[in-house]
Amino acid sequence: MLDVSFTALSDRKVKPPAGAPDPGLGSTAVLLAEVRKGDAEAREQLLARYLPMLQRWARGRLPARARDLGDTDDLVQVSLLRALNNIDAFECRREGAFLAYLRRIVLNAVRDEVRRSMRQPGRAALSEELPAASPSLLDRTIGHQALEAYEAALASLPEEKQEAVILRIEFGMGYQEIAEAIGAPSANSARMTVARTLVQLSELLDDHR
C-alpha cells in the first residue's frame, strides 16, 4: 500500500535551485532554433542553463547503491549532450516543455543505471556505504517506494499540467517562473494549476493503494 500525501505541498516555500534558468539568457525556443542552425554559442548557453539543475535533480533520484560520487554528473551531461545532438526530434511548444523533455531522458538514463548496478552486487554493497545525497522535495514528500506510481500517474496527465508539477515539485521553481514556462497568465494562475494537478495526482495514486 502506498502512503502518499501532497497536502499543502504546492504552497510550500522552496529555495530556487542552483543553476535555475536565467531569463536573461534568452528564451529556450530561440536558443533551440539557433542550435538547429549549428550555433555553438547557443548550445553552450543551453548546457549552462540546464546542466546544473538536472545534475542536482538526478543525484536525488539515484539510490545510494547505484551512485558513484563522480558518475552521476557525467550521466546527466552525456544525456543532455545526446538530447542536443538529436534536437530535431523535439518540438518546443512552451518554455517548460524542454526541461520536462530533458527530465524524461535523464530519468530513463537513471533507470538504466539502477538496473545496471543491480546486476553488480559487489559494487552495490560498496556503494551503500557511501553517504546518500540529500533527498529531493518529491522524495521527502512521497517516499522512494511511491516514485514509480507517481511517474505513471504523472504521465497520464496533459503535458502542461505535467510541466507545472515538475517545475514546482521537482525543480523548486517559483510560480512566476512556472507561469512564464507554461504560458499561464499569472503567478496565481500557475499556483492554481499546480494545486489542482496535485489533487488529481493524489486521486490517481489512490488506485495503487
N, C-alpha and C. Protein backbone atom coordinates (compact mmCIF):
# COMPACT_ATOMS: atom_id res chain seq x y z
N MET A 1 0.85 -1.19 0.00
CA MET A 1 0.00 0.00 0.00
C MET A 1 0.89 1.24 0.00
N LEU A 2 0.56 2.20 -0.84
CA LEU A 2 1.34 3.42 -0.91
C LEU A 2 0.80 4.44 0.08
N ASP A 3 1.70 5.12 0.73
CA ASP A 3 1.30 6.19 1.64
C ASP A 3 1.76 7.50 1.03
N VAL A 4 0.87 8.14 0.28
CA VAL A 4 1.24 9.32 -0.48
C VAL A 4 0.38 10.49 -0.09
N SER A 5 1.00 11.61 0.20
CA SER A 5 0.24 12.80 0.55
C SER A 5 0.87 14.01 -0.10
N PHE A 6 0.05 14.83 -0.79
CA PHE A 6 0.50 16.06 -1.38
C PHE A 6 -0.06 17.27 -0.63
N THR A 7 -0.58 17.06 0.55
CA THR A 7 -1.24 18.11 1.30
C THR A 7 -0.34 19.32 1.50
N ALA A 8 -0.83 20.47 1.05
CA ALA A 8 -0.16 21.77 1.22
C ALA A 8 1.20 21.83 0.53
N LEU A 9 1.53 20.84 -0.29
CA LEU A 9 2.85 20.84 -0.93
C LEU A 9 3.00 22.00 -1.91
N SER A 10 1.91 22.34 -2.62
CA SER A 10 2.03 23.37 -3.64
C SER A 10 2.29 24.74 -3.06
N ASP A 11 1.97 24.97 -1.77
CA ASP A 11 2.20 26.27 -1.16
C ASP A 11 3.48 26.33 -0.35
N ARG A 12 4.23 25.25 -0.36
CA ARG A 12 5.47 25.20 0.40
C ARG A 12 6.50 26.13 -0.22
N LYS A 13 7.22 26.85 0.61
CA LYS A 13 8.25 27.75 0.11
C LYS A 13 9.48 26.93 -0.25
N VAL A 14 9.94 27.12 -1.48
CA VAL A 14 11.07 26.34 -1.97
C VAL A 14 12.17 27.29 -2.42
N LYS A 15 13.37 27.03 -1.97
CA LYS A 15 14.51 27.84 -2.39
C LYS A 15 14.85 27.50 -3.84
N PRO A 16 14.97 28.50 -4.72
CA PRO A 16 15.28 28.22 -6.11
C PRO A 16 16.57 27.43 -6.22
N PRO A 17 16.60 26.39 -7.08
CA PRO A 17 17.78 25.56 -7.19
C PRO A 17 18.94 26.27 -7.85
N ALA A 18 20.16 25.87 -7.49
CA ALA A 18 21.33 26.40 -8.16
C ALA A 18 21.25 26.00 -9.62
N GLY A 19 21.57 26.95 -10.51
CA GLY A 19 21.54 26.64 -11.92
C GLY A 19 20.18 26.79 -12.55
N ALA A 20 19.23 27.41 -11.84
CA ALA A 20 17.90 27.60 -12.42
C ALA A 20 18.01 28.48 -13.66
N PRO A 21 17.13 28.28 -14.64
CA PRO A 21 17.21 29.05 -15.87
C PRO A 21 17.21 30.56 -15.63
N ASP A 22 18.06 31.27 -16.33
CA ASP A 22 18.18 32.72 -16.22
C ASP A 22 17.46 33.34 -17.41
N PRO A 23 16.38 34.10 -17.18
CA PRO A 23 15.64 34.69 -18.29
C PRO A 23 16.51 35.56 -19.18
N GLY A 24 17.61 36.11 -18.62
CA GLY A 24 18.48 36.96 -19.41
C GLY A 24 19.21 36.23 -20.51
N LEU A 25 19.25 34.92 -20.46
CA LEU A 25 19.96 34.16 -21.48
C LEU A 25 19.16 34.06 -22.78
N GLY A 26 17.93 34.48 -22.76
CA GLY A 26 17.11 34.34 -23.95
C GLY A 26 16.20 33.14 -23.83
N SER A 27 15.12 33.13 -24.58
CA SER A 27 14.14 32.06 -24.46
C SER A 27 14.71 30.75 -24.97
N THR A 28 14.21 29.66 -24.39
CA THR A 28 14.65 28.33 -24.81
C THR A 28 14.34 28.10 -26.28
N ALA A 29 13.17 28.54 -26.73
CA ALA A 29 12.78 28.33 -28.13
C ALA A 29 13.77 28.99 -29.08
N VAL A 30 14.20 30.20 -28.74
CA VAL A 30 15.17 30.91 -29.59
C VAL A 30 16.50 30.17 -29.61
N LEU A 31 16.96 29.75 -28.44
CA LEU A 31 18.23 29.04 -28.36
C LEU A 31 18.18 27.72 -29.12
N LEU A 32 17.07 27.01 -29.00
CA LEU A 32 16.93 25.74 -29.72
C LEU A 32 16.96 25.96 -31.23
N ALA A 33 16.32 27.03 -31.67
CA ALA A 33 16.33 27.34 -33.10
C ALA A 33 17.76 27.60 -33.57
N GLU A 34 18.54 28.30 -32.75
CA GLU A 34 19.93 28.58 -33.11
C GLU A 34 20.78 27.32 -33.09
N VAL A 35 20.52 26.44 -32.12
CA VAL A 35 21.26 25.17 -32.07
C VAL A 35 21.00 24.35 -33.33
N ARG A 36 19.77 24.36 -33.79
CA ARG A 36 19.43 23.62 -35.01
C ARG A 36 20.19 24.17 -36.22
N LYS A 37 20.57 25.44 -36.16
CA LYS A 37 21.35 26.06 -37.24
C LYS A 37 22.84 25.80 -37.08
N GLY A 38 23.21 25.15 -35.97
CA GLY A 38 24.62 24.86 -35.73
C GLY A 38 25.34 25.90 -34.90
N ASP A 39 24.61 26.75 -34.19
CA ASP A 39 25.21 27.81 -33.37
C ASP A 39 25.80 27.20 -32.10
N ALA A 40 27.13 27.19 -32.01
CA ALA A 40 27.82 26.60 -30.86
C ALA A 40 27.59 27.40 -29.58
N GLU A 41 27.48 28.72 -29.69
CA GLU A 41 27.27 29.55 -28.50
C GLU A 41 25.90 29.29 -27.88
N ALA A 42 24.88 29.14 -28.72
CA ALA A 42 23.54 28.83 -28.21
C ALA A 42 23.54 27.47 -27.52
N ARG A 43 24.27 26.53 -28.06
CA ARG A 43 24.39 25.20 -27.47
C ARG A 43 25.00 25.28 -26.07
N GLU A 44 26.06 26.11 -25.95
CA GLU A 44 26.72 26.28 -24.65
C GLU A 44 25.80 26.96 -23.65
N GLN A 45 24.98 27.89 -24.12
CA GLN A 45 24.05 28.56 -23.23
C GLN A 45 23.00 27.59 -22.69
N LEU A 46 22.53 26.69 -23.54
CA LEU A 46 21.56 25.70 -23.09
C LEU A 46 22.20 24.74 -22.08
N LEU A 47 23.44 24.35 -22.33
CA LEU A 47 24.15 23.49 -21.38
C LEU A 47 24.31 24.19 -20.03
N ALA A 48 24.70 25.47 -20.08
CA ALA A 48 24.89 26.22 -18.84
C ALA A 48 23.57 26.41 -18.09
N ARG A 49 22.49 26.51 -18.82
CA ARG A 49 21.17 26.75 -18.23
C ARG A 49 20.62 25.49 -17.55
N TYR A 50 20.74 24.34 -18.21
CA TYR A 50 20.03 23.15 -17.74
C TYR A 50 20.91 22.11 -17.06
N LEU A 51 22.20 22.08 -17.35
CA LEU A 51 23.04 21.01 -16.79
C LEU A 51 23.08 21.01 -15.27
N PRO A 52 23.34 22.14 -14.59
CA PRO A 52 23.43 22.10 -13.12
C PRO A 52 22.14 21.64 -12.45
N MET A 53 20.99 22.12 -12.92
CA MET A 53 19.74 21.75 -12.26
C MET A 53 19.38 20.29 -12.50
N LEU A 54 19.71 19.76 -13.69
CA LEU A 54 19.45 18.36 -13.97
C LEU A 54 20.40 17.45 -13.18
N GLN A 55 21.63 17.89 -13.01
CA GLN A 55 22.58 17.11 -12.21
C GLN A 55 22.10 17.01 -10.77
N ARG A 56 21.67 18.13 -10.22
CA ARG A 56 21.19 18.11 -8.85
C ARG A 56 19.93 17.25 -8.71
N TRP A 57 19.06 17.33 -9.69
CA TRP A 57 17.84 16.51 -9.68
C TRP A 57 18.19 15.03 -9.72
N ALA A 58 19.13 14.66 -10.58
CA ALA A 58 19.48 13.25 -10.74
C ALA A 58 20.13 12.67 -9.49
N ARG A 59 20.89 13.49 -8.76
CA ARG A 59 21.52 13.00 -7.53
C ARG A 59 20.48 12.54 -6.53
N GLY A 60 19.31 13.18 -6.54
CA GLY A 60 18.26 12.78 -5.63
C GLY A 60 17.47 11.58 -6.11
N ARG A 61 17.66 11.19 -7.38
CA ARG A 61 16.92 10.06 -7.92
C ARG A 61 17.70 8.76 -7.83
N LEU A 62 19.01 8.80 -7.93
CA LEU A 62 19.80 7.57 -7.86
C LEU A 62 19.91 7.10 -6.42
N PRO A 63 19.52 5.84 -6.12
CA PRO A 63 19.73 5.33 -4.76
C PRO A 63 21.20 5.18 -4.47
N ALA A 64 21.57 5.17 -3.19
CA ALA A 64 22.97 5.13 -2.80
C ALA A 64 23.70 3.94 -3.42
N ARG A 65 23.01 2.80 -3.54
CA ARG A 65 23.68 1.61 -4.06
C ARG A 65 24.06 1.75 -5.53
N ALA A 66 23.42 2.70 -6.23
CA ALA A 66 23.68 2.86 -7.66
C ALA A 66 24.54 4.08 -7.95
N ARG A 67 24.93 4.82 -6.92
CA ARG A 67 25.57 6.11 -7.13
C ARG A 67 27.06 6.07 -6.85
N ASP A 68 27.85 6.33 -7.89
CA ASP A 68 29.26 6.64 -7.71
C ASP A 68 29.33 8.16 -7.64
N LEU A 69 30.08 8.68 -6.69
CA LEU A 69 30.04 10.11 -6.43
C LEU A 69 30.40 10.95 -7.64
N GLY A 70 31.27 10.43 -8.52
CA GLY A 70 31.67 11.21 -9.67
C GLY A 70 30.90 10.90 -10.93
N ASP A 71 30.08 9.85 -10.91
CA ASP A 71 29.46 9.37 -12.14
C ASP A 71 28.11 10.00 -12.45
N THR A 72 27.38 10.43 -11.44
CA THR A 72 26.03 10.94 -11.68
C THR A 72 26.06 12.16 -12.59
N ASP A 73 26.96 13.11 -12.31
CA ASP A 73 27.05 14.31 -13.14
C ASP A 73 27.40 13.96 -14.58
N ASP A 74 28.30 12.97 -14.75
CA ASP A 74 28.67 12.54 -16.10
C ASP A 74 27.48 11.93 -16.83
N LEU A 75 26.69 11.15 -16.10
CA LEU A 75 25.49 10.54 -16.68
C LEU A 75 24.55 11.60 -17.22
N VAL A 76 24.34 12.64 -16.45
CA VAL A 76 23.43 13.72 -16.87
C VAL A 76 24.02 14.48 -18.05
N GLN A 77 25.32 14.77 -18.00
CA GLN A 77 25.94 15.52 -19.08
C GLN A 77 25.85 14.76 -20.40
N VAL A 78 26.12 13.48 -20.37
CA VAL A 78 26.03 12.67 -21.58
C VAL A 78 24.60 12.66 -22.11
N SER A 79 23.63 12.54 -21.20
CA SER A 79 22.22 12.52 -21.61
C SER A 79 21.83 13.84 -22.26
N LEU A 80 22.27 14.96 -21.66
CA LEU A 80 21.94 16.27 -22.20
C LEU A 80 22.59 16.49 -23.56
N LEU A 81 23.83 16.08 -23.70
CA LEU A 81 24.52 16.22 -24.99
C LEU A 81 23.83 15.40 -26.08
N ARG A 82 23.39 14.19 -25.72
CA ARG A 82 22.67 13.36 -26.69
C ARG A 82 21.37 14.03 -27.10
N ALA A 83 20.68 14.63 -26.12
CA ALA A 83 19.43 15.31 -26.43
C ALA A 83 19.67 16.47 -27.40
N LEU A 84 20.73 17.22 -27.18
CA LEU A 84 21.04 18.35 -28.07
C LEU A 84 21.48 17.87 -29.45
N ASN A 85 22.12 16.70 -29.50
CA ASN A 85 22.53 16.16 -30.79
C ASN A 85 21.34 15.67 -31.61
N ASN A 86 20.22 15.42 -30.92
CA ASN A 86 19.01 14.94 -31.60
C ASN A 86 17.86 15.92 -31.41
N ILE A 87 18.19 17.20 -31.42
CA ILE A 87 17.23 18.23 -31.06
C ILE A 87 16.10 18.34 -32.08
N ASP A 88 16.31 17.85 -33.31
CA ASP A 88 15.25 17.92 -34.31
C ASP A 88 14.05 17.07 -33.93
N ALA A 89 14.24 16.13 -32.98
CA ALA A 89 13.14 15.27 -32.55
C ALA A 89 12.23 15.96 -31.55
N PHE A 90 12.64 17.16 -31.11
CA PHE A 90 11.86 17.87 -30.09
C PHE A 90 11.20 19.10 -30.68
N GLU A 91 9.92 19.28 -30.36
CA GLU A 91 9.18 20.47 -30.77
C GLU A 91 8.91 21.33 -29.55
N CYS A 92 9.46 22.53 -29.51
CA CYS A 92 9.34 23.41 -28.35
C CYS A 92 8.03 24.19 -28.42
N ARG A 93 7.05 23.76 -27.62
CA ARG A 93 5.75 24.44 -27.61
C ARG A 93 5.67 25.47 -26.48
N ARG A 94 6.38 25.19 -25.38
CA ARG A 94 6.41 26.09 -24.23
C ARG A 94 7.80 26.03 -23.61
N GLU A 95 8.15 27.07 -22.85
CA GLU A 95 9.46 27.09 -22.20
C GLU A 95 9.66 25.88 -21.29
N GLY A 96 8.58 25.49 -20.59
CA GLY A 96 8.70 24.39 -19.64
C GLY A 96 8.78 23.03 -20.29
N ALA A 97 8.41 22.94 -21.57
CA ALA A 97 8.37 21.64 -22.24
C ALA A 97 9.77 21.05 -22.42
N PHE A 98 10.76 21.89 -22.65
CA PHE A 98 12.10 21.37 -22.90
C PHE A 98 12.69 20.76 -21.63
N LEU A 99 12.49 21.41 -20.49
CA LEU A 99 13.01 20.84 -19.25
C LEU A 99 12.30 19.52 -18.94
N ALA A 100 11.00 19.44 -19.19
CA ALA A 100 10.28 18.19 -18.97
C ALA A 100 10.80 17.09 -19.91
N TYR A 101 11.13 17.48 -21.12
CA TYR A 101 11.70 16.55 -22.10
C TYR A 101 13.06 16.04 -21.64
N LEU A 102 13.91 16.95 -21.17
CA LEU A 102 15.23 16.55 -20.69
C LEU A 102 15.12 15.68 -19.45
N ARG A 103 14.18 16.03 -18.56
CA ARG A 103 13.97 15.23 -17.35
C ARG A 103 13.64 13.80 -17.71
N ARG A 104 12.80 13.61 -18.72
CA ARG A 104 12.40 12.26 -19.13
C ARG A 104 13.60 11.47 -19.66
N ILE A 105 14.45 12.14 -20.43
CA ILE A 105 15.64 11.49 -20.96
C ILE A 105 16.59 11.09 -19.84
N VAL A 106 16.81 12.00 -18.90
CA VAL A 106 17.71 11.71 -17.78
C VAL A 106 17.11 10.62 -16.89
N LEU A 107 15.79 10.68 -16.67
CA LEU A 107 15.14 9.66 -15.85
C LEU A 107 15.34 8.27 -16.45
N ASN A 108 15.23 8.16 -17.76
CA ASN A 108 15.46 6.87 -18.40
C ASN A 108 16.90 6.42 -18.22
N ALA A 109 17.84 7.37 -18.30
CA ALA A 109 19.25 7.03 -18.09
C ALA A 109 19.49 6.59 -16.64
N VAL A 110 18.81 7.26 -15.69
CA VAL A 110 18.93 6.88 -14.29
C VAL A 110 18.40 5.47 -14.07
N ARG A 111 17.26 5.16 -14.67
CA ARG A 111 16.69 3.82 -14.53
C ARG A 111 17.63 2.76 -15.09
N ASP A 112 18.25 3.07 -16.23
CA ASP A 112 19.21 2.14 -16.82
C ASP A 112 20.40 1.92 -15.88
N GLU A 113 20.85 3.02 -15.24
CA GLU A 113 21.97 2.92 -14.32
C GLU A 113 21.61 2.09 -13.10
N VAL A 114 20.40 2.25 -12.59
CA VAL A 114 19.95 1.47 -11.44
C VAL A 114 19.91 -0.01 -11.79
N ARG A 115 19.36 -0.32 -12.98
CA ARG A 115 19.30 -1.73 -13.40
C ARG A 115 20.70 -2.31 -13.56
N ARG A 116 21.61 -1.50 -14.10
CA ARG A 116 22.98 -1.97 -14.28
C ARG A 116 23.63 -2.25 -12.93
N SER A 117 23.42 -1.35 -11.98
CA SER A 117 24.03 -1.53 -10.66
C SER A 117 23.48 -2.75 -9.93
N MET A 118 22.21 -3.06 -10.20
CA MET A 118 21.60 -4.22 -9.56
C MET A 118 22.22 -5.52 -10.03
N ARG A 119 22.82 -5.49 -11.20
CA ARG A 119 23.47 -6.70 -11.73
C ARG A 119 24.90 -6.84 -11.23
N GLN A 120 25.35 -5.87 -10.40
CA GLN A 120 26.71 -5.90 -9.86
C GLN A 120 26.63 -5.86 -8.34
N PRO A 121 26.32 -6.99 -7.69
CA PRO A 121 26.10 -7.00 -6.23
C PRO A 121 27.28 -6.51 -5.42
N GLY A 122 28.49 -6.83 -5.84
CA GLY A 122 29.65 -6.39 -5.07
C GLY A 122 29.79 -4.88 -5.07
N ARG A 123 29.58 -4.29 -6.22
CA ARG A 123 29.67 -2.84 -6.33
C ARG A 123 28.52 -2.18 -5.59
N ALA A 124 27.34 -2.81 -5.65
CA ALA A 124 26.18 -2.25 -4.97
C ALA A 124 26.41 -2.22 -3.47
N ALA A 125 26.98 -3.28 -2.92
CA ALA A 125 27.22 -3.32 -1.48
C ALA A 125 28.18 -2.23 -1.06
N LEU A 126 29.19 -1.98 -1.91
CA LEU A 126 30.15 -0.93 -1.60
C LEU A 126 29.49 0.44 -1.66
N SER A 127 28.64 0.66 -2.69
CA SER A 127 28.00 1.96 -2.86
C SER A 127 27.07 2.29 -1.71
N GLU A 128 26.47 1.26 -1.08
CA GLU A 128 25.54 1.53 0.01
C GLU A 128 26.24 2.12 1.22
N GLU A 129 27.55 1.99 1.27
CA GLU A 129 28.29 2.54 2.38
C GLU A 129 28.57 4.03 2.19
N LEU A 130 28.34 4.53 0.98
CA LEU A 130 28.58 5.94 0.71
C LEU A 130 27.43 6.78 1.23
N PRO A 131 27.71 8.03 1.65
CA PRO A 131 26.62 8.88 2.12
C PRO A 131 25.69 9.23 0.98
N ALA A 132 24.39 9.14 1.24
CA ALA A 132 23.40 9.47 0.22
C ALA A 132 23.29 10.97 0.06
N ALA A 133 22.96 11.40 -1.15
CA ALA A 133 22.72 12.82 -1.38
C ALA A 133 21.43 13.22 -0.68
N SER A 134 21.29 14.50 -0.42
CA SER A 134 20.06 14.98 0.23
C SER A 134 18.87 14.63 -0.65
N PRO A 135 17.79 14.11 -0.07
CA PRO A 135 16.63 13.75 -0.87
C PRO A 135 15.96 14.97 -1.47
N SER A 136 15.34 14.78 -2.61
CA SER A 136 14.62 15.88 -3.24
C SER A 136 13.34 16.16 -2.46
N LEU A 137 12.71 17.30 -2.78
CA LEU A 137 11.42 17.63 -2.16
C LEU A 137 10.41 16.54 -2.45
N LEU A 138 10.42 16.04 -3.68
CA LEU A 138 9.50 14.96 -4.05
C LEU A 138 9.76 13.72 -3.22
N ASP A 139 11.02 13.31 -3.08
CA ASP A 139 11.36 12.12 -2.30
C ASP A 139 10.93 12.27 -0.85
N ARG A 140 11.15 13.45 -0.28
CA ARG A 140 10.80 13.66 1.12
C ARG A 140 9.29 13.62 1.31
N THR A 141 8.55 13.97 0.26
CA THR A 141 7.09 14.05 0.36
C THR A 141 6.41 12.70 0.20
N ILE A 142 6.79 11.94 -0.83
CA ILE A 142 6.05 10.71 -1.11
C ILE A 142 6.85 9.45 -0.88
N GLY A 143 8.18 9.55 -0.72
CA GLY A 143 8.97 8.37 -0.46
C GLY A 143 9.39 7.64 -1.73
N HIS A 144 10.51 6.95 -1.66
CA HIS A 144 11.07 6.28 -2.84
C HIS A 144 10.13 5.21 -3.39
N GLN A 145 9.43 4.50 -2.52
CA GLN A 145 8.59 3.38 -2.97
C GLN A 145 7.43 3.84 -3.84
N ALA A 146 7.05 5.08 -3.69
CA ALA A 146 5.89 5.57 -4.45
C ALA A 146 6.28 6.26 -5.75
N LEU A 147 7.58 6.38 -6.04
CA LEU A 147 8.00 7.16 -7.20
C LEU A 147 7.53 6.56 -8.53
N GLU A 148 7.56 5.25 -8.64
CA GLU A 148 7.12 4.64 -9.89
C GLU A 148 5.64 4.90 -10.13
N ALA A 149 4.84 4.77 -9.07
CA ALA A 149 3.41 5.06 -9.20
C ALA A 149 3.19 6.53 -9.55
N TYR A 150 3.99 7.41 -8.94
CA TYR A 150 3.91 8.84 -9.24
C TYR A 150 4.21 9.10 -10.71
N GLU A 151 5.26 8.47 -11.24
CA GLU A 151 5.62 8.66 -12.64
C GLU A 151 4.49 8.22 -13.56
N ALA A 152 3.88 7.08 -13.26
CA ALA A 152 2.79 6.58 -14.09
C ALA A 152 1.59 7.53 -14.04
N ALA A 153 1.25 8.02 -12.85
CA ALA A 153 0.13 8.94 -12.72
C ALA A 153 0.43 10.26 -13.44
N LEU A 154 1.65 10.74 -13.28
CA LEU A 154 2.04 11.99 -13.93
C LEU A 154 1.93 11.89 -15.44
N ALA A 155 2.36 10.77 -15.99
CA ALA A 155 2.35 10.58 -17.45
C ALA A 155 0.94 10.56 -18.02
N SER A 156 -0.06 10.30 -17.19
CA SER A 156 -1.44 10.24 -17.68
C SER A 156 -2.09 11.61 -17.76
N LEU A 157 -1.40 12.64 -17.27
CA LEU A 157 -1.95 14.00 -17.28
C LEU A 157 -1.56 14.75 -18.54
N PRO A 158 -2.30 15.82 -18.90
CA PRO A 158 -1.90 16.66 -20.03
C PRO A 158 -0.51 17.24 -19.82
N GLU A 159 0.22 17.48 -20.90
CA GLU A 159 1.61 17.91 -20.81
C GLU A 159 1.78 19.19 -20.01
N GLU A 160 0.89 20.15 -20.19
CA GLU A 160 1.01 21.42 -19.47
C GLU A 160 0.96 21.20 -17.96
N LYS A 161 0.07 20.31 -17.52
CA LYS A 161 -0.05 20.03 -16.09
C LYS A 161 1.18 19.27 -15.59
N GLN A 162 1.68 18.35 -16.41
CA GLN A 162 2.90 17.65 -16.04
C GLN A 162 4.03 18.64 -15.81
N GLU A 163 4.18 19.57 -16.74
CA GLU A 163 5.26 20.54 -16.65
C GLU A 163 5.12 21.41 -15.40
N ALA A 164 3.91 21.83 -15.10
CA ALA A 164 3.69 22.68 -13.92
C ALA A 164 4.12 21.98 -12.64
N VAL A 165 3.73 20.72 -12.50
CA VAL A 165 4.10 19.96 -11.30
C VAL A 165 5.60 19.70 -11.25
N ILE A 166 6.17 19.30 -12.37
CA ILE A 166 7.61 19.01 -12.40
C ILE A 166 8.42 20.25 -12.03
N LEU A 167 8.06 21.39 -12.61
CA LEU A 167 8.83 22.61 -12.35
C LEU A 167 8.73 23.03 -10.90
N ARG A 168 7.57 22.85 -10.29
CA ARG A 168 7.37 23.27 -8.90
C ARG A 168 7.93 22.25 -7.90
N ILE A 169 7.50 21.00 -8.03
CA ILE A 169 7.80 19.99 -7.03
C ILE A 169 9.20 19.42 -7.17
N GLU A 170 9.65 19.24 -8.40
CA GLU A 170 10.93 18.59 -8.59
C GLU A 170 12.09 19.57 -8.78
N PHE A 171 11.81 20.76 -9.33
CA PHE A 171 12.87 21.71 -9.58
C PHE A 171 12.75 22.97 -8.73
N GLY A 172 11.70 23.07 -7.91
CA GLY A 172 11.60 24.15 -6.95
C GLY A 172 11.43 25.54 -7.51
N MET A 173 10.86 25.67 -8.70
CA MET A 173 10.69 27.00 -9.29
C MET A 173 9.54 27.76 -8.64
N GLY A 174 9.63 29.08 -8.68
CA GLY A 174 8.56 29.93 -8.17
C GLY A 174 7.41 29.99 -9.15
N TYR A 175 6.27 30.47 -8.68
CA TYR A 175 5.07 30.45 -9.52
C TYR A 175 5.16 31.42 -10.70
N GLN A 176 5.87 32.52 -10.55
CA GLN A 176 6.03 33.42 -11.68
C GLN A 176 6.84 32.75 -12.79
N GLU A 177 7.92 32.04 -12.40
CA GLU A 177 8.72 31.30 -13.38
C GLU A 177 7.88 30.23 -14.07
N ILE A 178 7.06 29.55 -13.29
CA ILE A 178 6.21 28.50 -13.84
C ILE A 178 5.20 29.08 -14.81
N ALA A 179 4.61 30.23 -14.44
CA ALA A 179 3.64 30.88 -15.32
C ALA A 179 4.27 31.19 -16.67
N GLU A 180 5.49 31.71 -16.65
CA GLU A 180 6.18 32.03 -17.91
C GLU A 180 6.51 30.76 -18.68
N ALA A 181 6.85 29.69 -17.97
CA ALA A 181 7.27 28.45 -18.62
C ALA A 181 6.12 27.71 -19.27
N ILE A 182 4.91 27.77 -18.67
CA ILE A 182 3.78 27.02 -19.22
C ILE A 182 2.78 27.92 -19.95
N GLY A 183 3.07 29.21 -20.00
CA GLY A 183 2.18 30.13 -20.70
C GLY A 183 0.94 30.51 -19.92
N ALA A 184 1.00 30.42 -18.58
CA ALA A 184 -0.14 30.82 -17.75
C ALA A 184 -0.18 32.35 -17.66
N PRO A 185 -1.37 32.94 -17.48
CA PRO A 185 -1.48 34.40 -17.48
C PRO A 185 -0.88 35.09 -16.27
N SER A 186 -0.71 34.36 -15.15
CA SER A 186 -0.19 35.00 -13.94
C SER A 186 0.39 33.94 -13.01
N ALA A 187 1.13 34.43 -11.99
CA ALA A 187 1.69 33.53 -10.99
C ALA A 187 0.57 32.82 -10.23
N ASN A 188 -0.50 33.53 -9.94
CA ASN A 188 -1.61 32.92 -9.21
C ASN A 188 -2.27 31.82 -10.04
N SER A 189 -2.37 32.05 -11.34
CA SER A 189 -2.92 31.02 -12.23
C SER A 189 -2.05 29.78 -12.21
N ALA A 190 -0.72 29.98 -12.22
CA ALA A 190 0.20 28.84 -12.16
C ALA A 190 0.06 28.10 -10.83
N ARG A 191 -0.10 28.86 -9.75
CA ARG A 191 -0.27 28.24 -8.43
C ARG A 191 -1.52 27.37 -8.41
N MET A 192 -2.60 27.87 -8.98
CA MET A 192 -3.84 27.11 -9.01
C MET A 192 -3.70 25.85 -9.88
N THR A 193 -2.96 25.98 -10.98
CA THR A 193 -2.73 24.82 -11.84
C THR A 193 -1.97 23.73 -11.09
N VAL A 194 -0.94 24.14 -10.37
CA VAL A 194 -0.16 23.17 -9.59
C VAL A 194 -1.02 22.52 -8.52
N ALA A 195 -1.76 23.34 -7.77
CA ALA A 195 -2.58 22.81 -6.68
C ALA A 195 -3.63 21.83 -7.19
N ARG A 196 -4.31 22.18 -8.26
CA ARG A 196 -5.35 21.30 -8.80
C ARG A 196 -4.76 20.02 -9.38
N THR A 197 -3.59 20.15 -9.99
CA THR A 197 -2.95 18.97 -10.56
C THR A 197 -2.49 18.01 -9.47
N LEU A 198 -2.01 18.54 -8.35
CA LEU A 198 -1.62 17.68 -7.24
C LEU A 198 -2.81 16.92 -6.68
N VAL A 199 -3.98 17.56 -6.68
CA VAL A 199 -5.19 16.86 -6.24
C VAL A 199 -5.49 15.70 -7.20
N GLN A 200 -5.36 15.97 -8.50
CA GLN A 200 -5.58 14.91 -9.49
C GLN A 200 -4.59 13.77 -9.30
N LEU A 201 -3.34 14.11 -9.05
CA LEU A 201 -2.32 13.09 -8.84
C LEU A 201 -2.66 12.23 -7.63
N SER A 202 -3.09 12.87 -6.56
CA SER A 202 -3.46 12.12 -5.36
C SER A 202 -4.59 11.13 -5.65
N GLU A 203 -5.56 11.56 -6.45
CA GLU A 203 -6.68 10.68 -6.78
C GLU A 203 -6.22 9.52 -7.63
N LEU A 204 -5.30 9.79 -8.58
CA LEU A 204 -4.78 8.71 -9.41
C LEU A 204 -3.96 7.72 -8.60
N LEU A 205 -3.21 8.24 -7.64
CA LEU A 205 -2.37 7.37 -6.81
C LEU A 205 -3.20 6.52 -5.86
N ASP A 206 -4.43 6.95 -5.56
CA ASP A 206 -5.30 6.14 -4.72
C ASP A 206 -5.58 4.78 -5.34
N ASP A 207 -5.51 4.71 -6.66
CA ASP A 207 -5.76 3.44 -7.36
C ASP A 207 -4.69 2.41 -7.03
N HIS A 208 -3.53 2.89 -6.55
CA HIS A 208 -2.41 1.99 -6.25
C HIS A 208 -2.38 1.56 -4.79
N ARG A 209 -3.28 2.11 -3.99
CA ARG A 209 -3.25 1.79 -2.57
C ARG A 209 -3.73 0.38 -2.30
